[in-house]
Protein backbone atom coordinates (compact mmCIF):
# COMPACT_ATOMS: atom_id res chain seq x y z
CA UNK A 1 0.00 0.00 0.00
CA UNK A 2 2.72 2.48 0.93
CA UNK A 3 4.73 1.49 -2.12
CA UNK A 4 1.90 2.60 -4.37
CA UNK A 5 1.78 6.01 -2.75
CA UNK A 6 5.53 6.43 -3.20
CA UNK A 7 5.37 5.32 -6.81
CA UNK A 8 2.55 7.77 -7.45
CA UNK A 9 4.56 10.62 -6.06
CA UNK A 10 7.45 10.17 -8.46
CA UNK A 11 5.33 11.39 -11.36
CA UNK A 12 3.57 14.00 -9.24
CA UNK A 13 4.76 16.94 -11.31
CA UNK A 14 2.73 15.80 -14.28
CA UNK A 15 -0.29 15.15 -12.08
CA UNK A 16 0.00 18.60 -10.53
CA UNK A 17 0.11 20.26 -13.94
CA UNK A 18 -2.89 18.23 -15.10
CA UNK A 19 -4.86 19.20 -11.98
CA UNK A 20 -3.91 22.86 -12.50
CA UNK A 21 -5.10 22.67 -16.11
CA UNK A 22 -8.37 21.07 -15.01
CA UNK A 23 -8.89 23.74 -12.34
CA UNK A 24 -8.35 26.45 -14.96
CA UNK A 25 -10.88 24.76 -17.24
CA UNK A 26 -13.40 24.59 -14.38
CA UNK A 27 -12.93 28.32 -13.71
CA UNK A 28 -13.44 29.11 -17.39
CA UNK A 29 -16.56 26.95 -17.42
CA UNK A 30 -17.93 28.76 -14.37
CA UNK A 31 -17.33 32.14 -16.01
CA UNK A 32 -19.09 30.96 -19.17
CA UNK A 33 -22.03 29.68 -17.11
CA UNK A 34 -22.36 33.07 -15.41
CA UNK A 35 -22.22 34.79 -18.79
CA UNK A 36 -24.89 32.46 -20.16
CA UNK A 37 -27.14 33.15 -17.16
CA UNK A 38 -26.73 36.90 -17.65
CA UNK A 39 -27.55 36.66 -21.35
CA UNK A 40 -30.58 34.51 -20.54
CA UNK A 41 -31.76 37.29 -18.23
CA UNK A 42 -31.35 39.83 -21.05
CA UNK A 43 -33.32 37.69 -23.50
CA UNK A 44 -36.04 37.11 -20.91
CA UNK A 45 -36.28 40.84 -20.29
CA UNK A 46 -36.50 41.54 -24.03
CA UNK A 47 -39.27 38.99 -24.51
CA UNK A 48 -41.49 40.43 -21.78
CA UNK A 49 -44.48 42.41 -22.97
CA UNK A 50 -43.78 46.13 -23.19
CA UNK A 51 -46.17 46.92 -20.33
CA UNK A 52 -44.31 44.57 -17.95
CA UNK A 53 -40.81 45.67 -18.97
CA UNK A 54 -38.56 47.79 -16.80
CA UNK A 55 -37.11 50.05 -19.51
CA UNK A 56 -34.48 51.62 -17.25
CA UNK A 57 -33.19 48.22 -16.17
CA UNK A 58 -33.24 47.02 -19.77
CA UNK A 59 -31.20 50.01 -20.97
CA UNK A 60 -28.68 49.45 -18.18
CA UNK A 61 -28.27 45.77 -19.07
CA UNK A 62 -27.99 46.46 -22.80
CA UNK A 63 -25.43 49.21 -22.21
CA UNK A 64 -23.32 46.75 -20.23
CA UNK A 65 -23.37 44.21 -23.04
CA UNK A 66 -22.76 46.80 -25.74
CA UNK A 67 -19.67 47.84 -23.80
CA UNK A 68 -18.50 44.23 -23.50
CA UNK A 69 -18.58 43.75 -27.26
CA UNK A 70 -17.08 47.11 -28.27
PDB file of N, CA and C in Angstrom:
ATOM      1  N   UNK A   1       0.823  -1.191   0.000  1.00  0.00           N
ATOM      2  CA  UNK A   1       0.000   0.000   0.000  1.00  0.00           C
ATOM      3  C   UNK A   1       0.870   1.260   0.000  1.00  0.00           C
ATOM      4  N   UNK A   2       1.870   1.296   0.880  1.00  0.00           N
ATOM      5  CA  UNK A   2       2.721   2.479   0.928  1.00  0.00           C
ATOM      6  C   UNK A   2       3.591   2.594  -0.313  1.00  0.00           C
ATOM      7  N   UNK A   3       3.938   1.466  -0.900  1.00  0.00           N
ATOM      8  CA  UNK A   3       4.729   1.487  -2.119  1.00  0.00           C
ATOM      9  C   UNK A   3       3.989   2.168  -3.256  1.00  0.00           C
ATOM     10  N   UNK A   4       2.695   1.969  -3.312  1.00  0.00           N
ATOM     11  CA  UNK A   4       1.899   2.603  -4.374  1.00  0.00           C
ATOM     12  C   UNK A   4       1.879   4.115  -4.215  1.00  0.00           C
ATOM     13  N   UNK A   5       1.785   4.570  -2.991  1.00  0.00           N
ATOM     14  CA  UNK A   5       1.776   6.013  -2.754  1.00  0.00           C
ATOM     15  C   UNK A   5       3.114   6.611  -3.172  1.00  0.00           C
ATOM     16  N   UNK A   6       4.203   5.939  -2.804  1.00  0.00           N
ATOM     17  CA  UNK A   6       5.528   6.434  -3.195  1.00  0.00           C
ATOM     18  C   UNK A   6       5.676   6.462  -4.710  1.00  0.00           C
ATOM     19  N   UNK A   7       5.244   5.386  -5.356  1.00  0.00           N
ATOM     20  CA  UNK A   7       5.367   5.318  -6.813  1.00  0.00           C
ATOM     21  C   UNK A   7       4.544   6.424  -7.464  1.00  0.00           C
ATOM     22  N   UNK A   8       3.405   6.718  -6.903  1.00  0.00           N
ATOM     23  CA  UNK A   8       2.553   7.768  -7.450  1.00  0.00           C
ATOM     24  C   UNK A   8       3.171   9.140  -7.311  1.00  0.00           C
ATOM     25  N   UNK A   9       3.960   9.311  -6.291  1.00  0.00           N
ATOM     26  CA  UNK A   9       4.561  10.624  -6.056  1.00  0.00           C
ATOM     27  C   UNK A   9       5.717  10.924  -6.994  1.00  0.00           C
ATOM     28  N   UNK A  10       6.320   9.910  -7.575  1.00  0.00           N
ATOM     29  CA  UNK A  10       7.452  10.173  -8.464  1.00  0.00           C
ATOM     30  C   UNK A  10       7.016  10.939  -9.706  1.00  0.00           C
ATOM     31  N   UNK A  11       5.825  10.681 -10.187  1.00  0.00           N
ATOM     32  CA  UNK A  11       5.325  11.391 -11.358  1.00  0.00           C
ATOM     33  C   UNK A  11       4.375  12.499 -10.976  1.00  0.00           C
ATOM     34  N   UNK A  12       4.509  13.009  -9.763  1.00  0.00           N
ATOM     35  CA  UNK A  12       3.570  13.996  -9.242  1.00  0.00           C
ATOM     36  C   UNK A  12       3.573  15.315  -9.981  1.00  0.00           C
ATOM     37  N   UNK A  13       4.695  15.666 -10.591  1.00  0.00           N
ATOM     38  CA  UNK A  13       4.756  16.939 -11.309  1.00  0.00           C
ATOM     39  C   UNK A  13       3.772  16.981 -12.453  1.00  0.00           C
ATOM     40  N   UNK A  14       3.677  15.880 -13.173  1.00  0.00           N
ATOM     41  CA  UNK A  14       2.728  15.801 -14.281  1.00  0.00           C
ATOM     42  C   UNK A  14       1.297  15.855 -13.763  1.00  0.00           C
ATOM     43  N   UNK A  15       1.054  15.156 -12.668  1.00  0.00           N
ATOM     44  CA  UNK A  15      -0.287  15.148 -12.085  1.00  0.00           C
ATOM     45  C   UNK A  15      -0.669  16.550 -11.619  1.00  0.00           C
ATOM     46  N   UNK A  16       0.272  17.240 -10.997  1.00  0.00           N
ATOM     47  CA  UNK A  16      -0.002  18.600 -10.529  1.00  0.00           C
ATOM     48  C   UNK A  16      -0.324  19.532 -11.687  1.00  0.00           C
ATOM     49  N   UNK A  17       0.390  19.393 -12.783  1.00  0.00           N
ATOM     50  CA  UNK A  17       0.110  20.258 -13.936  1.00  0.00           C
ATOM     51  C   UNK A  17      -1.238  19.911 -14.559  1.00  0.00           C
ATOM     52  N   UNK A  18      -1.586  18.628 -14.564  1.00  0.00           N
ATOM     53  CA  UNK A  18      -2.889  18.228 -15.102  1.00  0.00           C
ATOM     54  C   UNK A  18      -4.021  18.754 -14.231  1.00  0.00           C
ATOM     55  N   UNK A  19      -3.847  18.676 -12.900  1.00  0.00           N
ATOM     56  CA  UNK A  19      -4.863  19.197 -11.981  1.00  0.00           C
ATOM     57  C   UNK A  19      -4.995  20.709 -12.156  1.00  0.00           C
ATOM     58  N   UNK A  20      -3.876  21.403 -12.298  1.00  0.00           N
ATOM     59  CA  UNK A  20      -3.914  22.858 -12.503  1.00  0.00           C
ATOM     60  C   UNK A  20      -4.651  23.203 -13.789  1.00  0.00           C
ATOM     61  N   UNK A  21      -4.407  22.429 -14.843  1.00  0.00           N
ATOM     62  CA  UNK A  21      -5.105  22.672 -16.113  1.00  0.00           C
ATOM     63  C   UNK A  21      -6.599  22.418 -15.963  1.00  0.00           C
ATOM     64  N   UNK A  22      -6.954  21.366 -15.232  1.00  0.00           N
ATOM     65  CA  UNK A  22      -8.373  21.074 -15.014  1.00  0.00           C
ATOM     66  C   UNK A  22      -9.039  22.157 -14.174  1.00  0.00           C
ATOM     67  N   UNK A  23      -8.335  22.659 -13.161  1.00  0.00           N
ATOM     68  CA  UNK A  23      -8.887  23.737 -12.343  1.00  0.00           C
ATOM     69  C   UNK A  23      -9.109  24.994 -13.177  1.00  0.00           C
ATOM     70  N   UNK A  24      -8.192  25.287 -14.074  1.00  0.00           N
ATOM     71  CA  UNK A  24      -8.352  26.447 -14.957  1.00  0.00           C
ATOM     72  C   UNK A  24      -9.552  26.256 -15.877  1.00  0.00           C
ATOM     73  N   UNK A  25      -9.732  25.040 -16.367  1.00  0.00           N
ATOM     74  CA  UNK A  25     -10.875  24.759 -17.237  1.00  0.00           C
ATOM     75  C   UNK A  25     -12.186  24.894 -16.468  1.00  0.00           C
ATOM     76  N   UNK A  26     -12.195  24.465 -15.213  1.00  0.00           N
ATOM     77  CA  UNK A  26     -13.399  24.593 -14.383  1.00  0.00           C
ATOM     78  C   UNK A  26     -13.725  26.067 -14.170  1.00  0.00           C
ATOM     79  N   UNK A  27     -12.702  26.888 -13.896  1.00  0.00           N
ATOM     80  CA  UNK A  27     -12.931  28.319 -13.712  1.00  0.00           C
ATOM     81  C   UNK A  27     -13.488  28.961 -14.976  1.00  0.00           C
ATOM     82  N   UNK A  28     -12.941  28.576 -16.118  1.00  0.00           N
ATOM     83  CA  UNK A  28     -13.436  29.106 -17.388  1.00  0.00           C
ATOM     84  C   UNK A  28     -14.886  28.690 -17.604  1.00  0.00           C
ATOM     85  N   UNK A  29     -15.200  27.442 -17.275  1.00  0.00           N
ATOM     86  CA  UNK A  29     -16.561  26.948 -17.421  1.00  0.00           C
ATOM     87  C   UNK A  29     -17.520  27.712 -16.512  1.00  0.00           C
ATOM     88  N   UNK A  30     -17.087  27.986 -15.291  1.00  0.00           N
ATOM     89  CA  UNK A  30     -17.928  28.757 -14.366  1.00  0.00           C
ATOM     90  C   UNK A  30     -18.194  30.155 -14.911  1.00  0.00           C
ATOM     91  N   UNK A  31     -17.161  30.792 -15.447  1.00  0.00           N
ATOM     92  CA  UNK A  31     -17.327  32.135 -16.011  1.00  0.00           C
ATOM     93  C   UNK A  31     -18.289  32.112 -17.196  1.00  0.00           C
ATOM     94  N   UNK A  32     -18.182  31.082 -18.026  1.00  0.00           N
ATOM     95  CA  UNK A  32     -19.094  30.962 -19.168  1.00  0.00           C
ATOM     96  C   UNK A  32     -20.527  30.711 -18.707  1.00  0.00           C
ATOM     97  N   UNK A  33     -20.693  29.935 -17.640  1.00  0.00           N
ATOM     98  CA  UNK A  33     -22.033  29.685 -17.112  1.00  0.00           C
ATOM     99  C   UNK A  33     -22.662  30.962 -16.569  1.00  0.00           C
ATOM    100  N   UNK A  34     -21.858  31.787 -15.903  1.00  0.00           N
ATOM    101  CA  UNK A  34     -22.364  33.071 -15.405  1.00  0.00           C
ATOM    102  C   UNK A  34     -22.765  33.950 -16.578  1.00  0.00           C
ATOM    103  N   UNK A  35     -21.929  33.987 -17.597  1.00  0.00           N
ATOM    104  CA  UNK A  35     -22.220  34.793 -18.793  1.00  0.00           C
ATOM    105  C   UNK A  35     -23.515  34.327 -19.455  1.00  0.00           C
ATOM    106  N   UNK A  36     -23.681  33.013 -19.561  1.00  0.00           N
ATOM    107  CA  UNK A  36     -24.894  32.458 -20.155  1.00  0.00           C
ATOM    108  C   UNK A  36     -26.123  32.832 -19.337  1.00  0.00           C
ATOM    109  N   UNK A  37     -26.018  32.774 -18.023  1.00  0.00           N
ATOM    110  CA  UNK A  37     -27.140  33.146 -17.161  1.00  0.00           C
ATOM    111  C   UNK A  37     -27.497  34.620 -17.337  1.00  0.00           C
ATOM    112  N   UNK A  38     -26.474  35.475 -17.445  1.00  0.00           N
ATOM    113  CA  UNK A  38     -26.729  36.902 -17.648  1.00  0.00           C
ATOM    114  C   UNK A  38     -27.400  37.154 -18.994  1.00  0.00           C
ATOM    115  N   UNK A  39     -26.934  36.485 -20.031  1.00  0.00           N
ATOM    116  CA  UNK A  39     -27.547  36.659 -21.353  1.00  0.00           C
ATOM    117  C   UNK A  39     -28.974  36.116 -21.378  1.00  0.00           C
ATOM    118  N   UNK A  40     -29.219  35.042 -20.645  1.00  0.00           N
ATOM    119  CA  UNK A  40     -30.579  34.510 -20.539  1.00  0.00           C
ATOM    120  C   UNK A  40     -31.492  35.538 -19.885  1.00  0.00           C
ATOM    121  N   UNK A  41     -30.978  36.233 -18.869  1.00  0.00           N
ATOM    122  CA  UNK A  41     -31.758  37.293 -18.229  1.00  0.00           C
ATOM    123  C   UNK A  41     -32.085  38.408 -19.216  1.00  0.00           C
ATOM    124  N   UNK A  42     -31.116  38.777 -20.049  1.00  0.00           N
ATOM    125  CA  UNK A  42     -31.346  39.829 -21.048  1.00  0.00           C
ATOM    126  C   UNK A  42     -32.427  39.395 -22.030  1.00  0.00           C
ATOM    127  N   UNK A  43     -32.323  38.183 -22.532  1.00  0.00           N
ATOM    128  CA  UNK A  43     -33.315  37.685 -23.498  1.00  0.00           C
ATOM    129  C   UNK A  43     -34.691  37.629 -22.851  1.00  0.00           C
ATOM    130  N   UNK A  44     -34.754  37.167 -21.614  1.00  0.00           N
ATOM    131  CA  UNK A  44     -36.037  37.111 -20.906  1.00  0.00           C
ATOM    132  C   UNK A  44     -36.639  38.499 -20.781  1.00  0.00           C
ATOM    133  N   UNK A  45     -35.803  39.468 -20.426  1.00  0.00           N
ATOM    134  CA  UNK A  45     -36.284  40.844 -20.287  1.00  0.00           C
ATOM    135  C   UNK A  45     -36.775  41.388 -21.628  1.00  0.00           C
ATOM    136  N   UNK A  46     -36.090  41.057 -22.707  1.00  0.00           N
ATOM    137  CA  UNK A  46     -36.500  41.536 -24.027  1.00  0.00           C
ATOM    138  C   UNK A  46     -37.804  40.901 -24.489  1.00  0.00           C
ATOM    139  N   UNK A  47     -38.066  39.688 -24.063  1.00  0.00           N
ATOM    140  CA  UNK A  47     -39.267  38.990 -24.507  1.00  0.00           C
ATOM    141  C   UNK A  47     -40.509  39.334 -23.691  1.00  0.00           C
ATOM    142  N   UNK A  48     -40.330  40.032 -22.584  1.00  0.00           N
ATOM    143  CA  UNK A  48     -41.491  40.426 -21.783  1.00  0.00           C
ATOM    144  C   UNK A  48     -42.345  41.425 -22.562  1.00  0.00           C
ATOM    145  N   UNK A  49     -43.635  41.396 -22.335  1.00  0.00           N
ATOM    146  CA  UNK A  49     -44.482  42.414 -22.972  1.00  0.00           C
ATOM    147  C   UNK A  49     -44.030  43.818 -22.551  1.00  0.00           C
ATOM    148  N   UNK A  50     -44.238  44.763 -23.434  1.00  0.00           N
ATOM    149  CA  UNK A  50     -43.781  46.134 -23.194  1.00  0.00           C
ATOM    150  C   UNK A  50     -44.330  46.688 -21.887  1.00  0.00           C
ATOM    151  N   UNK A  51     -45.557  46.386 -21.550  1.00  0.00           N
ATOM    152  CA  UNK A  51     -46.167  46.916 -20.329  1.00  0.00           C
ATOM    153  C   UNK A  51     -45.479  46.385 -19.070  1.00  0.00           C
ATOM    154  N   UNK A  52     -44.932  45.175 -19.132  1.00  0.00           N
ATOM    155  CA  UNK A  52     -44.314  44.571 -17.949  1.00  0.00           C
ATOM    156  C   UNK A  52     -42.815  44.832 -17.874  1.00  0.00           C
ATOM    157  N   UNK A  53     -42.253  45.456 -18.876  1.00  0.00           N
ATOM    158  CA  UNK A  53     -40.813  45.669 -18.968  1.00  0.00           C
ATOM    159  C   UNK A  53     -40.356  46.831 -18.103  1.00  0.00           C
ATOM    160  N   UNK A  54     -39.201  46.694 -17.513  1.00  0.00           N
ATOM    161  CA  UNK A  54     -38.556  47.793 -16.796  1.00  0.00           C
ATOM    162  C   UNK A  54     -37.540  48.407 -17.762  1.00  0.00           C
ATOM    163  N   UNK A  55     -37.943  49.461 -18.446  1.00  0.00           N
ATOM    164  CA  UNK A  55     -37.115  50.053 -19.507  1.00  0.00           C
ATOM    165  C   UNK A  55     -35.766  50.550 -18.993  1.00  0.00           C
ATOM    166  N   UNK A  56     -35.745  51.132 -17.793  1.00  0.00           N
ATOM    167  CA  UNK A  56     -34.475  51.624 -17.249  1.00  0.00           C
ATOM    168  C   UNK A  56     -33.507  50.472 -17.003  1.00  0.00           C
ATOM    169  N   UNK A  57     -34.024  49.400 -16.427  1.00  0.00           N
ATOM    170  CA  UNK A  57     -33.192  48.221 -16.172  1.00  0.00           C
ATOM    171  C   UNK A  57     -32.711  47.621 -17.488  1.00  0.00           C
ATOM    172  N   UNK A  58     -33.593  47.571 -18.467  1.00  0.00           N
ATOM    173  CA  UNK A  58     -33.243  47.020 -19.770  1.00  0.00           C
ATOM    174  C   UNK A  58     -32.133  47.836 -20.433  1.00  0.00           C
ATOM    175  N   UNK A  59     -32.243  49.152 -20.390  1.00  0.00           N
ATOM    176  CA  UNK A  59     -31.204  50.011 -20.972  1.00  0.00           C
ATOM    177  C   UNK A  59     -29.863  49.820 -20.268  1.00  0.00           C
ATOM    178  N   UNK A  60     -29.907  49.670 -18.954  1.00  0.00           N
ATOM    179  CA  UNK A  60     -28.678  49.454 -18.179  1.00  0.00           C
ATOM    180  C   UNK A  60     -28.004  48.137 -18.577  1.00  0.00           C
ATOM    181  N   UNK A  61     -28.799  47.082 -18.694  1.00  0.00           N
ATOM    182  CA  UNK A  61     -28.267  45.769 -19.069  1.00  0.00           C
ATOM    183  C   UNK A  61     -27.707  45.806 -20.488  1.00  0.00           C
ATOM    184  N   UNK A  62     -28.455  46.398 -21.413  1.00  0.00           N
ATOM    185  CA  UNK A  62     -27.993  46.459 -22.798  1.00  0.00           C
ATOM    186  C   UNK A  62     -26.728  47.305 -22.933  1.00  0.00           C
ATOM    187  N   UNK A  63     -26.629  48.378 -22.171  1.00  0.00           N
ATOM    188  CA  UNK A  63     -25.426  49.210 -22.208  1.00  0.00           C
ATOM    189  C   UNK A  63     -24.213  48.418 -21.738  1.00  0.00           C
ATOM    190  N   UNK A  64     -24.413  47.588 -20.727  1.00  0.00           N
ATOM    191  CA  UNK A  64     -23.318  46.753 -20.225  1.00  0.00           C
ATOM    192  C   UNK A  64     -22.827  45.810 -21.319  1.00  0.00           C
ATOM    193  N   UNK A  65     -23.762  45.168 -22.017  1.00  0.00           N
ATOM    194  CA  UNK A  65     -23.368  44.211 -23.044  1.00  0.00           C
ATOM    195  C   UNK A  65     -22.839  44.888 -24.298  1.00  0.00           C
ATOM    196  N   UNK A  66     -23.328  46.059 -24.605  1.00  0.00           N
ATOM    197  CA  UNK A  66     -22.762  46.796 -25.737  1.00  0.00           C
ATOM    198  C   UNK A  66     -21.316  47.162 -25.444  1.00  0.00           C
ATOM    199  N   UNK A  67     -21.035  47.524 -24.199  1.00  0.00           N
ATOM    200  CA  UNK A  67     -19.665  47.844 -23.797  1.00  0.00           C
ATOM    201  C   UNK A  67     -18.757  46.632 -23.835  1.00  0.00           C
ATOM    202  N   UNK A  68     -19.296  45.468 -23.482  1.00  0.00           N
ATOM    203  CA  UNK A  68     -18.503  44.235 -23.496  1.00  0.00           C
ATOM    204  C   UNK A  68     -18.061  43.859 -24.900  1.00  0.00           C
ATOM    205  N   UNK A  69     -18.868  44.176 -25.898  1.00  0.00           N
ATOM    206  CA  UNK A  69     -18.575  43.755 -27.261  1.00  0.00           C
ATOM    207  C   UNK A  69     -17.952  44.854 -28.112  1.00  0.00           C
ATOM    208  N   UNK A  70     -17.686  46.001 -27.514  1.00  0.00           N
ATOM    209  CA  UNK A  70     -17.076  47.111 -28.267  1.00  0.00           C
ATOM    210  C   UNK A  70     -15.582  46.976 -28.316  1.00  0.00           C
TER     211      UNK A  70
END
